[in-house]
PDB file of N, CA and C in Angstrom:
ATOM      1  N   UNK A   1     -14.823  26.307  29.815  1.00  0.00           N
ATOM      2  CA  UNK A   1     -15.138  25.866  28.480  1.00  0.00           C
ATOM      3  C   UNK A   1     -13.883  25.843  27.599  1.00  0.00           C
ATOM      4  N   UNK A   2     -13.054  26.896  27.721  1.00  0.00           N
ATOM      5  CA  UNK A   2     -11.818  26.929  26.943  1.00  0.00           C
ATOM      6  C   UNK A   2     -10.914  25.762  27.323  1.00  0.00           C
ATOM      7  N   UNK A   3     -10.851  25.467  28.615  1.00  0.00           N
ATOM      8  CA  UNK A   3     -10.004  24.376  29.086  1.00  0.00           C
ATOM      9  C   UNK A   3     -10.459  23.053  28.493  1.00  0.00           C
ATOM     10  N   UNK A   4     -11.748  22.833  28.454  1.00  0.00           N
ATOM     11  CA  UNK A   4     -12.288  21.604  27.878  1.00  0.00           C
ATOM     12  C   UNK A   4     -11.975  21.513  26.390  1.00  0.00           C
ATOM     13  N   UNK A   5     -12.080  22.616  25.695  1.00  0.00           N
ATOM     14  CA  UNK A   5     -11.784  22.654  24.267  1.00  0.00           C
ATOM     15  C   UNK A   5     -10.300  22.379  24.008  1.00  0.00           C
ATOM     16  N   UNK A   6      -9.435  22.962  24.803  1.00  0.00           N
ATOM     17  CA  UNK A   6      -7.986  22.735  24.664  1.00  0.00           C
ATOM     18  C   UNK A   6      -7.648  21.277  24.972  1.00  0.00           C
ATOM     19  N   UNK A   7      -8.266  20.727  26.001  1.00  0.00           N
ATOM     20  CA  UNK A   7      -8.036  19.329  26.352  1.00  0.00           C
ATOM     21  C   UNK A   7      -8.479  18.405  25.225  1.00  0.00           C
ATOM     22  N   UNK A   8      -9.637  18.667  24.656  1.00  0.00           N
ATOM     23  CA  UNK A   8     -10.141  17.843  23.548  1.00  0.00           C
ATOM     24  C   UNK A   8      -9.216  17.932  22.340  1.00  0.00           C
ATOM     25  N   UNK A   9      -8.748  19.125  22.020  1.00  0.00           N
ATOM     26  CA  UNK A   9      -7.833  19.303  20.892  1.00  0.00           C
ATOM     27  C   UNK A   9      -6.518  18.579  21.142  1.00  0.00           C
ATOM     28  N   UNK A  10      -6.005  18.653  22.350  1.00  0.00           N
ATOM     29  CA  UNK A  10      -4.746  17.979  22.695  1.00  0.00           C
ATOM     30  C   UNK A  10      -4.881  16.474  22.566  1.00  0.00           C
ATOM     31  N   UNK A  11      -5.990  15.924  23.046  1.00  0.00           N
ATOM     32  CA  UNK A  11      -6.209  14.483  22.944  1.00  0.00           C
ATOM     33  C   UNK A  11      -6.317  14.046  21.490  1.00  0.00           C
ATOM     34  N   UNK A  12      -6.971  14.852  20.676  1.00  0.00           N
ATOM     35  CA  UNK A  12      -7.094  14.532  19.252  1.00  0.00           C
ATOM     36  C   UNK A  12      -5.726  14.505  18.592  1.00  0.00           C
ATOM     37  N   UNK A  13      -4.897  15.487  18.877  1.00  0.00           N
ATOM     38  CA  UNK A  13      -3.554  15.543  18.298  1.00  0.00           C
ATOM     39  C   UNK A  13      -2.714  14.372  18.780  1.00  0.00           C
ATOM     40  N   UNK A  14      -2.781  14.045  20.049  1.00  0.00           N
ATOM     41  CA  UNK A  14      -2.004  12.928  20.591  1.00  0.00           C
ATOM     42  C   UNK A  14      -2.460  11.612  19.965  1.00  0.00           C
ATOM     43  N   UNK A  15      -3.762  11.429  19.789  1.00  0.00           N
ATOM     44  CA  UNK A  15      -4.281  10.210  19.186  1.00  0.00           C
ATOM     45  C   UNK A  15      -3.815  10.096  17.741  1.00  0.00           C
ATOM     46  N   UNK A  16      -3.883  11.200  17.002  1.00  0.00           N
ATOM     47  CA  UNK A  16      -3.446  11.191  15.615  1.00  0.00           C
ATOM     48  C   UNK A  16      -1.969  10.833  15.520  1.00  0.00           C
ATOM     49  N   UNK A  17      -1.145  11.426  16.349  1.00  0.00           N
ATOM     50  CA  UNK A  17       0.293  11.160  16.308  1.00  0.00           C
ATOM     51  C   UNK A  17       0.613   9.729  16.691  1.00  0.00           C
ATOM     52  N   UNK A  18      -0.121   9.151  17.626  1.00  0.00           N
ATOM     53  CA  UNK A  18       0.168   7.784  18.044  1.00  0.00           C
ATOM     54  C   UNK A  18      -0.270   6.781  16.983  1.00  0.00           C
ATOM     55  N   UNK A  19      -1.161   7.189  16.065  1.00  0.00           N
ATOM     56  CA  UNK A  19      -1.631   6.296  15.022  1.00  0.00           C
ATOM     57  C   UNK A  19      -0.949   6.562  13.681  1.00  0.00           C
ATOM     58  N   UNK A  20      -0.016   7.494  13.665  1.00  0.00           N
ATOM     59  CA  UNK A  20       0.667   7.824  12.417  1.00  0.00           C
ATOM     60  C   UNK A  20       1.480   6.625  11.951  1.00  0.00           C
ATOM     61  N   UNK A  21       1.422   6.371  10.663  1.00  0.00           N
ATOM     62  CA  UNK A  21       2.127   5.231  10.100  1.00  0.00           C
ATOM     63  C   UNK A  21       3.634   5.470  10.096  1.00  0.00           C
ATOM     64  N   UNK A  22       4.356   4.402  10.233  1.00  0.00           N
ATOM     65  CA  UNK A  22       5.815   4.423  10.213  1.00  0.00           C
ATOM     66  C   UNK A  22       6.270   3.929   8.838  1.00  0.00           C
ATOM     67  N   UNK A  23       6.598   4.865   7.954  1.00  0.00           N
ATOM     68  CA  UNK A  23       6.969   4.508   6.584  1.00  0.00           C
ATOM     69  C   UNK A  23       8.236   3.657   6.533  1.00  0.00           C
ATOM     70  N   UNK A  24       9.174   3.918   7.428  1.00  0.00           N
ATOM     71  CA  UNK A  24      10.406   3.112   7.445  1.00  0.00           C
ATOM     72  C   UNK A  24      10.108   1.665   7.810  1.00  0.00           C
ATOM     73  N   UNK A  25       9.234   1.460   8.794  1.00  0.00           N
ATOM     74  CA  UNK A  25       8.837   0.102   9.156  1.00  0.00           C
ATOM     75  C   UNK A  25       8.107  -0.555   7.989  1.00  0.00           C
ATOM     76  N   UNK A  26       7.217   0.185   7.336  1.00  0.00           N
ATOM     77  CA  UNK A  26       6.495  -0.345   6.184  1.00  0.00           C
ATOM     78  C   UNK A  26       7.438  -0.757   5.067  1.00  0.00           C
ATOM     79  N   UNK A  27       8.439   0.073   4.806  1.00  0.00           N
ATOM     80  CA  UNK A  27       9.434  -0.231   3.768  1.00  0.00           C
ATOM     81  C   UNK A  27      10.202  -1.500   4.130  1.00  0.00           C
ATOM     82  N   UNK A  28      10.620  -1.616   5.374  1.00  0.00           N
ATOM     83  CA  UNK A  28      11.379  -2.792   5.822  1.00  0.00           C
ATOM     84  C   UNK A  28      10.543  -4.060   5.719  1.00  0.00           C
ATOM     85  N   UNK A  29       9.304  -4.001   6.210  1.00  0.00           N
ATOM     86  CA  UNK A  29       8.422  -5.168   6.136  1.00  0.00           C
ATOM     87  C   UNK A  29       8.172  -5.560   4.688  1.00  0.00           C
ATOM     88  N   UNK A  30       7.949  -4.569   3.843  1.00  0.00           N
ATOM     89  CA  UNK A  30       7.706  -4.824   2.422  1.00  0.00           C
ATOM     90  C   UNK A  30       8.928  -5.474   1.775  1.00  0.00           C
ATOM     91  N   UNK A  31      10.085  -4.921   2.019  1.00  0.00           N
ATOM     92  CA  UNK A  31      11.313  -5.443   1.425  1.00  0.00           C
ATOM     93  C   UNK A  31      11.587  -6.870   1.888  1.00  0.00           C
ATOM     94  N   UNK A  32      11.388  -7.130   3.164  1.00  0.00           N
ATOM     95  CA  UNK A  32      11.727  -8.436   3.725  1.00  0.00           C
ATOM     96  C   UNK A  32      10.675  -9.515   3.475  1.00  0.00           C
ATOM     97  N   UNK A  33       9.480  -9.122   3.066  1.00  0.00           N
ATOM     98  CA  UNK A  33       8.406 -10.109   2.900  1.00  0.00           C
ATOM     99  C   UNK A  33       7.750 -10.066   1.523  1.00  0.00           C
ATOM    100  N   UNK A  34       7.265  -8.915   1.130  1.00  0.00           N
ATOM    101  CA  UNK A  34       6.437  -8.795  -0.075  1.00  0.00           C
ATOM    102  C   UNK A  34       7.217  -9.047  -1.356  1.00  0.00           C
ATOM    103  N   UNK A  35       8.465  -8.623  -1.380  1.00  0.00           N
ATOM    104  CA  UNK A  35       9.255  -8.752  -2.607  1.00  0.00           C
ATOM    105  C   UNK A  35       9.641 -10.196  -2.913  1.00  0.00           C
ATOM    106  N   UNK A  36       9.331 -11.113  -2.010  1.00  0.00           N
ATOM    107  CA  UNK A  36       9.541 -12.530  -2.299  1.00  0.00           C
ATOM    108  C   UNK A  36       8.580 -12.996  -3.401  1.00  0.00           C
ATOM    109  N   UNK A  37       7.406 -12.366  -3.475  1.00  0.00           N
ATOM    110  CA  UNK A  37       6.394 -12.734  -4.481  1.00  0.00           C
ATOM    111  C   UNK A  37       6.150 -11.639  -5.510  1.00  0.00           C
ATOM    112  N   UNK A  38       6.289 -10.387  -5.094  1.00  0.00           N
ATOM    113  CA  UNK A  38       5.937  -9.259  -5.949  1.00  0.00           C
ATOM    114  C   UNK A  38       7.179  -8.484  -6.382  1.00  0.00           C
ATOM    115  N   UNK A  39       7.080  -7.863  -7.540  1.00  0.00           N
ATOM    116  CA  UNK A  39       8.093  -6.903  -7.955  1.00  0.00           C
ATOM    117  C   UNK A  39       7.471  -5.515  -7.855  1.00  0.00           C
ATOM    118  N   UNK A  40       8.280  -4.512  -7.709  1.00  0.00           N
ATOM    119  CA  UNK A  40       7.737  -3.164  -7.593  1.00  0.00           C
ATOM    120  C   UNK A  40       7.072  -2.708  -8.890  1.00  0.00           C
ATOM    121  N   UNK A  41       7.357  -3.371  -9.999  1.00  0.00           N
ATOM    122  CA  UNK A  41       6.718  -3.019 -11.264  1.00  0.00           C
ATOM    123  C   UNK A  41       5.214  -3.227 -11.230  1.00  0.00           C
ATOM    124  N   UNK A  42       4.757  -4.177 -10.445  1.00  0.00           N
ATOM    125  CA  UNK A  42       3.321  -4.455 -10.405  1.00  0.00           C
ATOM    126  C   UNK A  42       2.530  -3.297  -9.802  1.00  0.00           C
ATOM    127  N   UNK A  43       3.167  -2.496  -8.977  1.00  0.00           N
ATOM    128  CA  UNK A  43       2.466  -1.388  -8.334  1.00  0.00           C
ATOM    129  C   UNK A  43       2.222  -0.232  -9.308  1.00  0.00           C
ATOM    130  N   UNK A  44       3.032  -0.150 -10.342  1.00  0.00           N
ATOM    131  CA  UNK A  44       2.894   0.949 -11.291  1.00  0.00           C
ATOM    132  C   UNK A  44       2.279   0.503 -12.614  1.00  0.00           C
ATOM    133  N   UNK A  45       1.970  -0.773 -12.732  1.00  0.00           N
ATOM    134  CA  UNK A  45       1.396  -1.308 -13.957  1.00  0.00           C
ATOM    135  C   UNK A  45       0.006  -0.732 -14.212  1.00  0.00           C
ATOM    136  N   UNK A  46      -0.327  -0.521 -15.465  1.00  0.00           N
ATOM    137  CA  UNK A  46      -1.654  -0.023 -15.831  1.00  0.00           C
ATOM    138  C   UNK A  46      -2.721  -1.090 -15.611  1.00  0.00           C
ATOM    139  N   UNK A  47      -2.312  -2.340 -15.477  1.00  0.00           N
ATOM    140  CA  UNK A  47      -3.262  -3.434 -15.273  1.00  0.00           C
ATOM    141  C   UNK A  47      -3.377  -3.844 -13.804  1.00  0.00           C
ATOM    142  N   UNK A  48      -2.886  -3.011 -12.905  1.00  0.00           N
ATOM    143  CA  UNK A  48      -2.942  -3.365 -11.484  1.00  0.00           C
ATOM    144  C   UNK A  48      -4.394  -3.505 -11.025  1.00  0.00           C
ATOM    145  N   UNK A  49      -4.588  -4.351 -10.020  1.00  0.00           N
ATOM    146  CA  UNK A  49      -5.933  -4.662  -9.534  1.00  0.00           C
ATOM    147  C   UNK A  49      -6.361  -3.784  -8.369  1.00  0.00           C
ATOM    148  N   UNK A  50      -5.445  -3.043  -7.805  1.00  0.00           N
ATOM    149  CA  UNK A  50      -5.745  -2.184  -6.655  1.00  0.00           C
ATOM    150  C   UNK A  50      -6.015  -0.771  -7.168  1.00  0.00           C
ATOM    151  N   UNK A  51      -7.219  -0.251  -6.847  1.00  0.00           N
ATOM    152  CA  UNK A  51      -7.607   1.053  -7.372  1.00  0.00           C
ATOM    153  C   UNK A  51      -7.995   2.065  -6.309  1.00  0.00           C
ATOM    154  N   UNK A  52      -7.933   1.670  -5.035  1.00  0.00           N
ATOM    155  CA  UNK A  52      -8.218   2.621  -3.959  1.00  0.00           C
ATOM    156  C   UNK A  52      -7.576   2.123  -2.666  1.00  0.00           C
ATOM    157  N   UNK A  53      -7.594   2.977  -1.659  1.00  0.00           N
ATOM    158  CA  UNK A  53      -6.923   2.676  -0.396  1.00  0.00           C
ATOM    159  C   UNK A  53      -7.535   1.467   0.311  1.00  0.00           C
ATOM    160  N   UNK A  54      -8.855   1.327   0.236  1.00  0.00           N
ATOM    161  CA  UNK A  54      -9.513   0.173   0.865  1.00  0.00           C
ATOM    162  C   UNK A  54      -9.064  -1.130   0.222  1.00  0.00           C
ATOM    163  N   UNK A  55      -8.955  -1.142  -1.102  1.00  0.00           N
ATOM    164  CA  UNK A  55      -8.502  -2.340  -1.806  1.00  0.00           C
ATOM    165  C   UNK A  55      -7.039  -2.642  -1.482  1.00  0.00           C
ATOM    166  N   UNK A  56      -6.229  -1.599  -1.343  1.00  0.00           N
ATOM    167  CA  UNK A  56      -4.830  -1.790  -0.981  1.00  0.00           C
ATOM    168  C   UNK A  56      -4.706  -2.417   0.401  1.00  0.00           C
ATOM    169  N   UNK A  57      -5.467  -1.911   1.336  1.00  0.00           N
ATOM    170  CA  UNK A  57      -5.450  -2.456   2.690  1.00  0.00           C
ATOM    171  C   UNK A  57      -5.908  -3.912   2.696  1.00  0.00           C
ATOM    172  N   UNK A  58      -6.961  -4.207   1.966  1.00  0.00           N
ATOM    173  CA  UNK A  58      -7.463  -5.586   1.886  1.00  0.00           C
ATOM    174  C   UNK A  58      -6.415  -6.507   1.267  1.00  0.00           C
ATOM    175  N   UNK A  59      -5.717  -6.014   0.261  1.00  0.00           N
ATOM    176  CA  UNK A  59      -4.697  -6.824  -0.410  1.00  0.00           C
ATOM    177  C   UNK A  59      -3.524  -7.117   0.526  1.00  0.00           C
ATOM    178  N   UNK A  60      -3.088  -6.114   1.275  1.00  0.00           N
ATOM    179  CA  UNK A  60      -1.986  -6.322   2.226  1.00  0.00           C
ATOM    180  C   UNK A  60      -2.416  -7.307   3.317  1.00  0.00           C
ATOM    181  N   UNK A  61      -3.638  -7.184   3.796  1.00  0.00           N
ATOM    182  CA  UNK A  61      -4.149  -8.128   4.807  1.00  0.00           C
ATOM    183  C   UNK A  61      -4.193  -9.551   4.255  1.00  0.00           C
ATOM    184  N   UNK A  62      -4.618  -9.698   3.007  1.00  0.00           N
ATOM    185  CA  UNK A  62      -4.688 -11.028   2.397  1.00  0.00           C
ATOM    186  C   UNK A  62      -3.287 -11.623   2.252  1.00  0.00           C
ATOM    187  N   UNK A  63      -2.329 -10.805   1.841  1.00  0.00           N
ATOM    188  CA  UNK A  63      -0.951 -11.298   1.721  1.00  0.00           C
ATOM    189  C   UNK A  63      -0.378 -11.668   3.089  1.00  0.00           C
ATOM    190  N   UNK A  64      -0.670 -10.859   4.100  1.00  0.00           N
ATOM    191  CA  UNK A  64      -0.229 -11.171   5.462  1.00  0.00           C
ATOM    192  C   UNK A  64      -0.751 -12.538   5.885  1.00  0.00           C
ATOM    193  N   UNK A  65      -2.021 -12.788   5.622  1.00  0.00           N
ATOM    194  CA  UNK A  65      -2.626 -14.074   5.979  1.00  0.00           C
ATOM    195  C   UNK A  65      -2.002 -15.214   5.179  1.00  0.00           C
ATOM    196  N   UNK A  66      -1.836 -14.995   3.873  1.00  0.00           N
ATOM    197  CA  UNK A  66      -1.283 -16.040   3.003  1.00  0.00           C
ATOM    198  C   UNK A  66       0.142 -16.408   3.366  1.00  0.00           C
ATOM    199  N   UNK A  67       0.936 -15.401   3.725  1.00  0.00           N
ATOM    200  CA  UNK A  67       2.330 -15.654   4.091  1.00  0.00           C
ATOM    201  C   UNK A  67       2.487 -16.129   5.529  1.00  0.00           C
ATOM    202  N   UNK A  68       1.444 -15.920   6.339  1.00  0.00           N
ATOM    203  CA  UNK A  68       1.526 -16.308   7.744  1.00  0.00           C
ATOM    204  C   UNK A  68       2.475 -15.432   8.546  1.00  0.00           C
ATOM    205  N   UNK A  69       2.632 -14.184   8.125  1.00  0.00           N
ATOM    206  CA  UNK A  69       3.558 -13.298   8.828  1.00  0.00           C
ATOM    207  C   UNK A  69       3.029 -12.859  10.188  1.00  0.00           C
ATOM    208  N   UNK A  70       1.709 -12.894  10.361  1.00  0.00           N
ATOM    209  CA  UNK A  70       1.072 -12.523  11.632  1.00  0.00           C
ATOM    210  C   UNK A  70       1.461 -11.115  12.078  1.00  0.00           C
ATOM    211  N   UNK A  71       1.426 -10.187  11.131  1.00  0.00           N
ATOM    212  CA  UNK A  71       1.720  -8.799  11.447  1.00  0.00           C
ATOM    213  C   UNK A  71       0.649  -8.231  12.362  1.00  0.00           C
ATOM    214  N   UNK A  72       1.047  -7.291  13.188  1.00  0.00           N
ATOM    215  CA  UNK A  72       0.095  -6.522  13.980  1.00  0.00           C
ATOM    216  C   UNK A  72      -0.635  -5.563  13.046  1.00  0.00           C
ATOM    217  N   UNK A  73      -1.783  -5.046  13.494  1.00  0.00           N
ATOM    218  CA  UNK A  73      -2.542  -4.075  12.692  1.00  0.00           C
ATOM    219  C   UNK A  73      -1.681  -2.866  12.337  1.00  0.00           C
ATOM    220  N   UNK A  74      -0.809  -2.465  13.252  1.00  0.00           N
ATOM    221  CA  UNK A  74       0.067  -1.318  13.001  1.00  0.00           C
ATOM    222  C   UNK A  74       1.048  -1.618  11.869  1.00  0.00           C
ATOM    223  N   UNK A  75       1.533  -2.860  11.807  1.00  0.00           N
ATOM    224  CA  UNK A  75       2.450  -3.246  10.737  1.00  0.00           C
ATOM    225  C   UNK A  75       1.745  -3.212   9.384  1.00  0.00           C
ATOM    226  N   UNK A  76       0.524  -3.709   9.352  1.00  0.00           N
ATOM    227  CA  UNK A  76      -0.259  -3.678   8.112  1.00  0.00           C
ATOM    228  C   UNK A  76      -0.475  -2.236   7.682  1.00  0.00           C
ATOM    229  N   UNK A  77      -0.833  -1.384   8.634  1.00  0.00           N
ATOM    230  CA  UNK A  77      -1.039   0.041   8.332  1.00  0.00           C
ATOM    231  C   UNK A  77       0.251   0.676   7.823  1.00  0.00           C
ATOM    232  N   UNK A  78       1.391   0.275   8.378  1.00  0.00           N
ATOM    233  CA  UNK A  78       2.682   0.814   7.936  1.00  0.00           C
ATOM    234  C   UNK A  78       2.987   0.412   6.491  1.00  0.00           C
ATOM    235  N   UNK A  79       2.727  -0.850   6.152  1.00  0.00           N
ATOM    236  CA  UNK A  79       2.980  -1.317   4.785  1.00  0.00           C
ATOM    237  C   UNK A  79       2.033  -0.621   3.808  1.00  0.00           C
ATOM    238  N   UNK A  80       0.772  -0.501   4.183  1.00  0.00           N
ATOM    239  CA  UNK A  80      -0.201   0.200   3.333  1.00  0.00           C
ATOM    240  C   UNK A  80       0.245   1.646   3.122  1.00  0.00           C
ATOM    241  N   UNK A  81       0.646   2.307   4.196  1.00  0.00           N
ATOM    242  CA  UNK A  81       1.081   3.704   4.094  1.00  0.00           C
ATOM    243  C   UNK A  81       2.326   3.821   3.214  1.00  0.00           C
ATOM    244  N   UNK A  82       3.265   2.917   3.376  1.00  0.00           N
ATOM    245  CA  UNK A  82       4.475   2.936   2.555  1.00  0.00           C
ATOM    246  C   UNK A  82       4.139   2.747   1.070  1.00  0.00           C
ATOM    247  N   UNK A  83       3.348   1.716   0.768  1.00  0.00           N
ATOM    248  CA  UNK A  83       2.981   1.465  -0.626  1.00  0.00           C
ATOM    249  C   UNK A  83       2.212   2.639  -1.218  1.00  0.00           C
ATOM    250  N   UNK A  84       1.316   3.205  -0.435  1.00  0.00           N
ATOM    251  CA  UNK A  84       0.538   4.342  -0.925  1.00  0.00           C
ATOM    252  C   UNK A  84       1.440   5.559  -1.136  1.00  0.00           C
ATOM    253  N   UNK A  85       2.339   5.787  -0.222  1.00  0.00           N
ATOM    254  CA  UNK A  85       3.241   6.942  -0.318  1.00  0.00           C
ATOM    255  C   UNK A  85       4.179   6.829  -1.515  1.00  0.00           C
ATOM    256  N   UNK A  86       4.756   5.645  -1.707  1.00  0.00           N
ATOM    257  CA  UNK A  86       5.782   5.494  -2.734  1.00  0.00           C
ATOM    258  C   UNK A  86       5.248   5.092  -4.114  1.00  0.00           C
ATOM    259  N   UNK A  87       4.074   4.450  -4.167  1.00  0.00           N
ATOM    260  CA  UNK A  87       3.595   3.937  -5.444  1.00  0.00           C
ATOM    261  C   UNK A  87       2.200   4.415  -5.838  1.00  0.00           C
ATOM    262  N   UNK A  88       1.222   4.204  -4.983  1.00  0.00           N
ATOM    263  CA  UNK A  88      -0.164   4.387  -5.403  1.00  0.00           C
ATOM    264  C   UNK A  88      -0.643   5.842  -5.374  1.00  0.00           C
ATOM    265  N   UNK A  89      -0.327   6.557  -4.344  1.00  0.00           N
ATOM    266  CA  UNK A  89      -0.716   7.973  -4.198  1.00  0.00           C
ATOM    267  C   UNK A  89      -2.230   8.186  -4.087  1.00  0.00           C
ATOM    268  N   UNK A  90      -2.941   7.245  -3.427  1.00  0.00           N
ATOM    269  CA  UNK A  90      -4.369   7.417  -3.196  1.00  0.00           C
ATOM    270  C   UNK A  90      -4.576   8.497  -2.148  1.00  0.00           C
ATOM    271  N   UNK A  91      -5.697   9.185  -2.200  1.00  0.00           N
ATOM    272  CA  UNK A  91      -6.009  10.223  -1.212  1.00  0.00           C
ATOM    273  C   UNK A  91      -7.013   9.731  -0.223  1.00  0.00           C
TER     274      UNK A  91
END
């Protein structure tokens, strides 16, 4: 039973680590793509339209589609994580 519990915990930790966002990749993708249309001031504006993490993710996906960047899901997650870490601070 202990062995099964340790195995389950190890798999959970490995899965979490493999899905962890890459903030450096998010920053690079944002700098090379998003700043063509957006300024960083819009992220801190009191009139911003994004008010939670789900809306932020939807907005990044919409921009990806509009720009035709064809980012992988991991890239989108990286940009969302970067924007949330540096600007939005959603929990």
